[in-house]
Amino acid sequence: MAKDFRKPVTYTVTAENGTTQNYTVTVTPTKEGYTFGGWYIDEACTIACNFEVDKITADITLYAKWIYAASATTNGWSYFQGEWYFFDNGIMVTNNWRQDSSKLWYYLGTNGVMATGWVEDGANWYFLKTSGAMAANAWVENYYLGASGAMAVNTVTPDGWTVGANGAWNGK
């Protein structure tokens, strides 16, 4: 069974001369501005390691989940260590969309960071500008984004061009 790294573990070390010494170790990760959210099996921190159930029979890598430590009164956008986060009544929003007062949409990823670039959400792809705002009614490279911001597929765009099943302009 896997050791629960949140609890102290005692190791007995035996020296070459036969003497022994006990050492107690507790692994409590820390990161400034964050609280420790537990140990996870995957790098994206979506599959928690259940130390009571998971049987580990070989060396593995566990990942520490970090949760941005905002004050309970934080509400709205917060900029921390070069990244934007959004809080709703003190709780960091993750894996969700938020619309601002100017009606622009933003996506907050698994770690709560505002996403940029291409994002897949369900069956649709969206493009988020460097500002984080979702592009809509626009061409991005060879892809057209409709009014909802979703990449158009298998259709004729409002300007008369055709996009295929993968969303790319097919030259027609």
C-alpha atoms as a PDB file:
ATOM      1  CA  MET A   1       0.000   0.000   0.000  1.00  0.00           C
ATOM      2  CA  ALA A   2       1.182   3.522  -0.733  1.00  0.00           C
ATOM      3  CA  LYS A   3       2.475   5.595   2.133  1.00  0.00           C
ATOM      4  CA  ASP A   4       0.378   8.629   3.013  1.00  0.00           C
ATOM      5  CA  PHE A   5       3.003  11.378   2.777  1.00  0.00           C
ATOM      6  CA  ARG A   6       0.788  13.680   4.836  1.00  0.00           C
ATOM      7  CA  LYS A   7       1.469  11.557   7.945  1.00  0.00           C
ATOM      8  CA  PRO A   8       4.830  11.123   9.686  1.00  0.00           C
ATOM      9  CA  VAL A   9       6.795   8.070   8.527  1.00  0.00           C
ATOM     10  CA  THR A  10       9.530   6.507  10.641  1.00  0.00           C
ATOM     11  CA  TYR A  11      12.512   4.929   8.938  1.00  0.00           C
ATOM     12  CA  THR A  12      15.141   2.826  10.670  1.00  0.00           C
ATOM     13  CA  VAL A  13      18.617   3.248   9.220  1.00  0.00           C
ATOM     14  CA  THR A  14      21.261   0.628   9.968  1.00  0.00           C
ATOM     15  CA  ALA A  15      24.895   1.669   9.616  1.00  0.00           C
ATOM     16  CA  GLU A  16      27.687  -0.628   8.415  1.00  0.00           C
ATOM     17  CA  ASN A  17      28.823  -1.167  12.016  1.00  0.00           C
ATOM     18  CA  GLY A  18      25.340  -2.478  12.965  1.00  0.00           C
ATOM     19  CA  THR A  19      24.096   0.542  14.914  1.00  0.00           C
ATOM     20  CA  THR A  20      20.583   1.733  14.137  1.00  0.00           C
ATOM     21  CA  GLN A  21      18.918   5.133  14.222  1.00  0.00           C
ATOM     22  CA  ASN A  22      15.235   5.985  13.723  1.00  0.00           C
ATOM     23  CA  TYR A  23      14.261   9.028  11.645  1.00  0.00           C
ATOM     24  CA  THR A  24      10.747  10.430  11.411  1.00  0.00           C
ATOM     25  CA  VAL A  25       9.915  12.320   8.224  1.00  0.00           C
ATOM     26  CA  THR A  26       6.821  14.273   7.261  1.00  0.00           C
ATOM     27  CA  VAL A  27       6.559  15.582   3.724  1.00  0.00           C
ATOM     28  CA  THR A  28       4.543  18.776   3.752  1.00  0.00           C
ATOM     29  CA  PRO A  29       5.174  20.682   0.561  1.00  0.00           C
ATOM     30  CA  THR A  30       5.007  24.453   0.644  1.00  0.00           C
ATOM     31  CA  LYS A  31       4.852  27.053  -2.083  1.00  0.00           C
ATOM     32  CA  GLU A  32       4.590  30.776  -1.430  1.00  0.00           C
ATOM     33  CA  GLY A  33       1.123  32.153  -2.212  1.00  0.00           C
ATOM     34  CA  TYR A  34      -0.468  28.697  -2.487  1.00  0.00           C
ATOM     35  CA  THR A  35      -1.947  26.039  -0.255  1.00  0.00           C
ATOM     36  CA  PHE A  36      -1.194  22.370  -0.721  1.00  0.00           C
ATOM     37  CA  GLY A  37      -4.157  20.588  -2.322  1.00  0.00           C
ATOM     38  CA  GLY A  38      -3.005  16.986  -2.025  1.00  0.00           C
ATOM     39  CA  TRP A  39      -1.035  14.391  -3.937  1.00  0.00           C
ATOM     40  CA  TYR A  40      -2.089  13.383  -7.452  1.00  0.00           C
ATOM     41  CA  ILE A  41      -1.133  10.571  -9.807  1.00  0.00           C
ATOM     42  CA  ASP A  42      -1.329  12.687 -12.991  1.00  0.00           C
ATOM     43  CA  GLU A  43       0.534  15.890 -13.858  1.00  0.00           C
ATOM     44  CA  ALA A  44      -2.732  17.812 -14.453  1.00  0.00           C
ATOM     45  CA  CYS A  45      -3.746  16.978 -10.860  1.00  0.00           C
ATOM     46  CA  THR A  46      -7.126  15.517 -11.766  1.00  0.00           C
ATOM     47  CA  ILE A  47      -6.653  12.000 -10.287  1.00  0.00           C
ATOM     48  CA  ALA A  48      -6.031  12.153  -6.545  1.00  0.00           C
ATOM     49  CA  CYS A  49      -3.843   9.509  -4.953  1.00  0.00           C
ATOM     50  CA  ASN A  50      -6.005   7.669  -2.435  1.00  0.00           C
ATOM     51  CA  PHE A  51      -3.434   6.452   0.063  1.00  0.00           C
ATOM     52  CA  GLU A  52      -5.960   4.158   1.738  1.00  0.00           C
ATOM     53  CA  VAL A  53      -6.822   2.306  -1.514  1.00  0.00           C
ATOM     54  CA  ASP A  54      -4.124   2.782  -4.172  1.00  0.00           C
ATOM     55  CA  LYS A  55      -1.597  -0.045  -4.207  1.00  0.00           C
ATOM     56  CA  ILE A  56       1.785   1.063  -5.495  1.00  0.00           C
ATOM     57  CA  THR A  57       4.287  -1.705  -6.134  1.00  0.00           C
ATOM     58  CA  ALA A  58       6.998   0.268  -7.934  1.00  0.00           C
ATOM     59  CA  ASP A  59       8.490   3.756  -7.927  1.00  0.00           C
ATOM     60  CA  ILE A  60       6.040   6.363  -9.223  1.00  0.00           C
ATOM     61  CA  THR A  61       5.930  10.128  -9.481  1.00  0.00           C
ATOM     62  CA  LEU A  62       3.302  11.922  -7.435  1.00  0.00           C
ATOM     63  CA  TYR A  63       2.322  15.506  -8.223  1.00  0.00           C
ATOM     64  CA  ALA A  64       1.497  18.170  -5.659  1.00  0.00           C
ATOM     65  CA  LYS A  65      -1.652  20.174  -6.417  1.00  0.00           C
ATOM     66  CA  TRP A  66      -1.310  23.864  -5.635  1.00  0.00           C
ATOM     67  CA  ILE A  67      -4.297  26.087  -4.950  1.00  0.00           C
ATOM     68  CA  TYR A  68      -3.844  29.829  -5.190  1.00  0.00           C
ATOM     69  CA  ALA A  69      -4.288  31.209  -1.687  1.00  0.00           C
ATOM     70  CA  ALA A  70      -6.546  34.211  -2.031  1.00  0.00           C
ATOM     71  CA  SER A  71      -8.226  35.940   0.840  1.00  0.00           C
ATOM     72  CA  ALA A  72     -11.830  34.927   1.478  1.00  0.00           C
ATOM     73  CA  THR A  73     -12.960  38.353   0.310  1.00  0.00           C
ATOM     74  CA  THR A  74     -11.352  38.031  -3.137  1.00  0.00           C
ATOM     75  CA  ASN A  75     -13.954  38.403  -5.859  1.00  0.00           C
ATOM     76  CA  GLY A  76     -13.342  38.914  -9.555  1.00  0.00           C
ATOM     77  CA  TRP A  77      -9.991  39.004 -11.345  1.00  0.00           C
ATOM     78  CA  SER A  78      -6.702  38.609  -9.494  1.00  0.00           C
ATOM     79  CA  TYR A  79      -3.175  38.844 -10.986  1.00  0.00           C
ATOM     80  CA  PHE A  80      -0.561  36.714  -9.222  1.00  0.00           C
ATOM     81  CA  GLN A  81       2.973  35.702 -10.299  1.00  0.00           C
ATOM     82  CA  GLY A  82       2.365  36.584 -13.946  1.00  0.00           C
ATOM     83  CA  GLU A  83      -1.004  34.830 -14.303  1.00  0.00           C
ATOM     84  CA  TRP A  84      -4.657  35.919 -14.177  1.00  0.00           C
ATOM     85  CA  TYR A  85      -7.196  34.087 -12.003  1.00  0.00           C
ATOM     86  CA  PHE A  86     -10.911  34.643 -11.402  1.00  0.00           C
ATOM     87  CA  PHE A  87     -12.589  34.281  -8.002  1.00  0.00           C
ATOM     88  CA  ASP A  88     -16.280  33.890  -7.278  1.00  0.00           C
ATOM     89  CA  ASN A  89     -17.022  34.666  -3.610  1.00  0.00           C
ATOM     90  CA  GLY A  90     -13.460  33.762  -2.601  1.00  0.00           C
ATOM     91  CA  ILE A  91     -13.367  30.496  -4.579  1.00  0.00           C
ATOM     92  CA  MET A  92     -11.016  30.208  -7.555  1.00  0.00           C
ATOM     93  CA  VAL A  93     -12.904  29.332 -10.747  1.00  0.00           C
ATOM     94  CA  THR A  94     -11.481  26.360 -12.674  1.00  0.00           C
ATOM     95  CA  ASN A  95     -12.535  24.624 -15.901  1.00  0.00           C
ATOM     96  CA  ASN A  96     -15.176  27.227 -16.614  1.00  0.00           C
ATOM     97  CA  TRP A  97     -16.050  30.298 -18.662  1.00  0.00           C
ATOM     98  CA  ARG A  98     -16.515  33.819 -17.286  1.00  0.00           C
ATOM     99  CA  GLN A  99     -17.975  36.840 -19.045  1.00  0.00           C
ATOM    100  CA  ASP A 100     -16.825  40.310 -18.058  1.00  0.00           C
ATOM    101  CA  SER A 101     -18.849  43.531 -17.944  1.00  0.00           C
ATOM    102  CA  SER A 102     -17.972  44.321 -21.570  1.00  0.00           C
ATOM    103  CA  LYS A 103     -19.485  40.950 -22.620  1.00  0.00           C
ATOM    104  CA  LEU A 104     -16.111  39.338 -23.460  1.00  0.00           C
ATOM    105  CA  TRP A 105     -15.684  35.654 -22.570  1.00  0.00           C
ATOM    106  CA  TYR A 106     -12.641  34.133 -20.834  1.00  0.00           C
ATOM    107  CA  TYR A 107     -11.790  30.518 -19.997  1.00  0.00           C
ATOM    108  CA  LEU A 108     -10.167  29.474 -16.709  1.00  0.00           C
ATOM    109  CA  GLY A 109      -8.273  26.174 -16.987  1.00  0.00           C
ATOM    110  CA  THR A 110      -7.786  23.246 -14.619  1.00  0.00           C
ATOM    111  CA  ASN A 111      -5.294  25.188 -12.498  1.00  0.00           C
ATOM    112  CA  GLY A 112      -7.466  28.324 -12.502  1.00  0.00           C
ATOM    113  CA  VAL A 113      -5.166  30.252 -14.839  1.00  0.00           C
ATOM    114  CA  MET A 114      -6.826  32.297 -17.600  1.00  0.00           C
ATOM    115  CA  ALA A 115      -6.220  30.411 -20.848  1.00  0.00           C
ATOM    116  CA  THR A 116      -4.904  31.786 -24.154  1.00  0.00           C
ATOM    117  CA  GLY A 117      -4.568  30.130 -27.552  1.00  0.00           C
ATOM    118  CA  TRP A 118      -6.668  27.161 -28.685  1.00  0.00           C
ATOM    119  CA  VAL A 119      -8.920  25.536 -26.080  1.00  0.00           C
ATOM    120  CA  GLU A 120     -11.085  22.459 -26.532  1.00  0.00           C
ATOM    121  CA  ASP A 121     -14.275  22.511 -24.473  1.00  0.00           C
ATOM    122  CA  GLY A 122     -16.583  19.575 -25.018  1.00  0.00           C
ATOM    123  CA  ALA A 123     -16.964  18.980 -28.758  1.00  0.00           C
ATOM    124  CA  ASN A 124     -15.901  22.522 -29.706  1.00  0.00           C
ATOM    125  CA  TRP A 125     -12.654  24.407 -30.190  1.00  0.00           C
ATOM    126  CA  TYR A 126     -12.268  28.071 -29.208  1.00  0.00           C
ATOM    127  CA  PHE A 127      -9.473  30.564 -29.707  1.00  0.00           C
ATOM    128  CA  LEU A 128      -8.537  32.889 -26.854  1.00  0.00           C
ATOM    129  CA  LYS A 129      -6.504  35.973 -27.778  1.00  0.00           C
ATOM    130  CA  THR A 130      -3.331  36.943 -25.900  1.00  0.00           C
ATOM    131  CA  SER A 131      -5.599  39.128 -23.732  1.00  0.00           C
ATOM    132  CA  GLY A 132      -7.514  35.953 -22.847  1.00  0.00           C
ATOM    133  CA  ALA A 133     -10.687  37.185 -24.567  1.00  0.00           C
ATOM    134  CA  MET A 134     -12.448  34.655 -26.790  1.00  0.00           C
ATOM    135  CA  ALA A 135     -12.383  35.436 -30.515  1.00  0.00           C
ATOM    136  CA  ALA A 136     -15.743  35.348 -32.343  1.00  0.00           C
ATOM    137  CA  ASN A 137     -16.972  36.111 -35.866  1.00  0.00           C
ATOM    138  CA  ALA A 138     -13.371  36.040 -37.046  1.00  0.00           C
ATOM    139  CA  TRP A 139     -10.753  34.060 -38.930  1.00  0.00           C
ATOM    140  CA  VAL A 140      -7.805  32.740 -36.911  1.00  0.00           C
ATOM    141  CA  GLU A 141      -5.213  31.276 -39.253  1.00  0.00           C
ATOM    142  CA  ASN A 142      -7.265  28.989 -41.561  1.00  0.00           C
ATOM    143  CA  TYR A 143     -10.139  28.534 -39.103  1.00  0.00           C
ATOM    144  CA  TYR A 144     -13.366  30.497 -38.777  1.00  0.00           C
ATOM    145  CA  LEU A 145     -14.906  31.165 -35.383  1.00  0.00           C
ATOM    146  CA  GLY A 146     -18.655  31.760 -35.355  1.00  0.00           C
ATOM    147  CA  ALA A 147     -20.743  34.105 -33.213  1.00  0.00           C
ATOM    148  CA  SER A 148     -20.576  31.687 -30.255  1.00  0.00           C
ATOM    149  CA  GLY A 149     -16.772  31.618 -30.574  1.00  0.00           C
ATOM    150  CA  ALA A 150     -16.804  27.943 -31.539  1.00  0.00           C
ATOM    151  CA  MET A 151     -14.740  26.918 -34.558  1.00  0.00           C
ATOM    152  CA  ALA A 152     -17.014  26.371 -37.560  1.00  0.00           C
ATOM    153  CA  VAL A 153     -16.950  22.908 -39.188  1.00  0.00           C
ATOM    154  CA  ASN A 154     -18.490  21.528 -42.399  1.00  0.00           C
ATOM    155  CA  THR A 155     -20.096  24.808 -43.356  1.00  0.00           C
ATOM    156  CA  VAL A 156     -19.878  27.930 -45.485  1.00  0.00           C
ATOM    157  CA  THR A 157     -18.691  30.958 -43.520  1.00  0.00           C
ATOM    158  CA  PRO A 158     -20.553  34.287 -43.638  1.00  0.00           C
ATOM    159  CA  ASP A 159     -17.944  35.601 -46.091  1.00  0.00           C
ATOM    160  CA  GLY A 160     -18.553  32.672 -48.467  1.00  0.00           C
ATOM    161  CA  TRP A 161     -15.608  30.350 -47.744  1.00  0.00           C
ATOM    162  CA  THR A 162     -16.002  26.641 -46.992  1.00  0.00           C
ATOM    163  CA  VAL A 163     -14.474  24.902 -43.970  1.00  0.00           C
ATOM    164  CA  GLY A 164     -14.203  21.125 -43.669  1.00  0.00           C
ATOM    165  CA  ALA A 165     -14.797  18.581 -40.913  1.00  0.00           C
ATOM    166  CA  ASN A 166     -11.609  19.603 -39.116  1.00  0.00           C
ATOM    167  CA  GLY A 167     -12.618  23.275 -39.274  1.00  0.00           C
ATOM    168  CA  ALA A 168      -9.887  24.292 -41.714  1.00  0.00           C
ATOM    169  CA  TRP A 169     -10.601  26.354 -44.822  1.00  0.00           C
ATOM    170  CA  ASN A 170     -10.518  23.937 -47.723  1.00  0.00           C
ATOM    171  CA  GLY A 171      -9.571  26.438 -50.415  1.00  0.00           C
ATOM    172  CA  LYS A 172     -13.087  26.999 -51.766  1.00  0.00           C
END
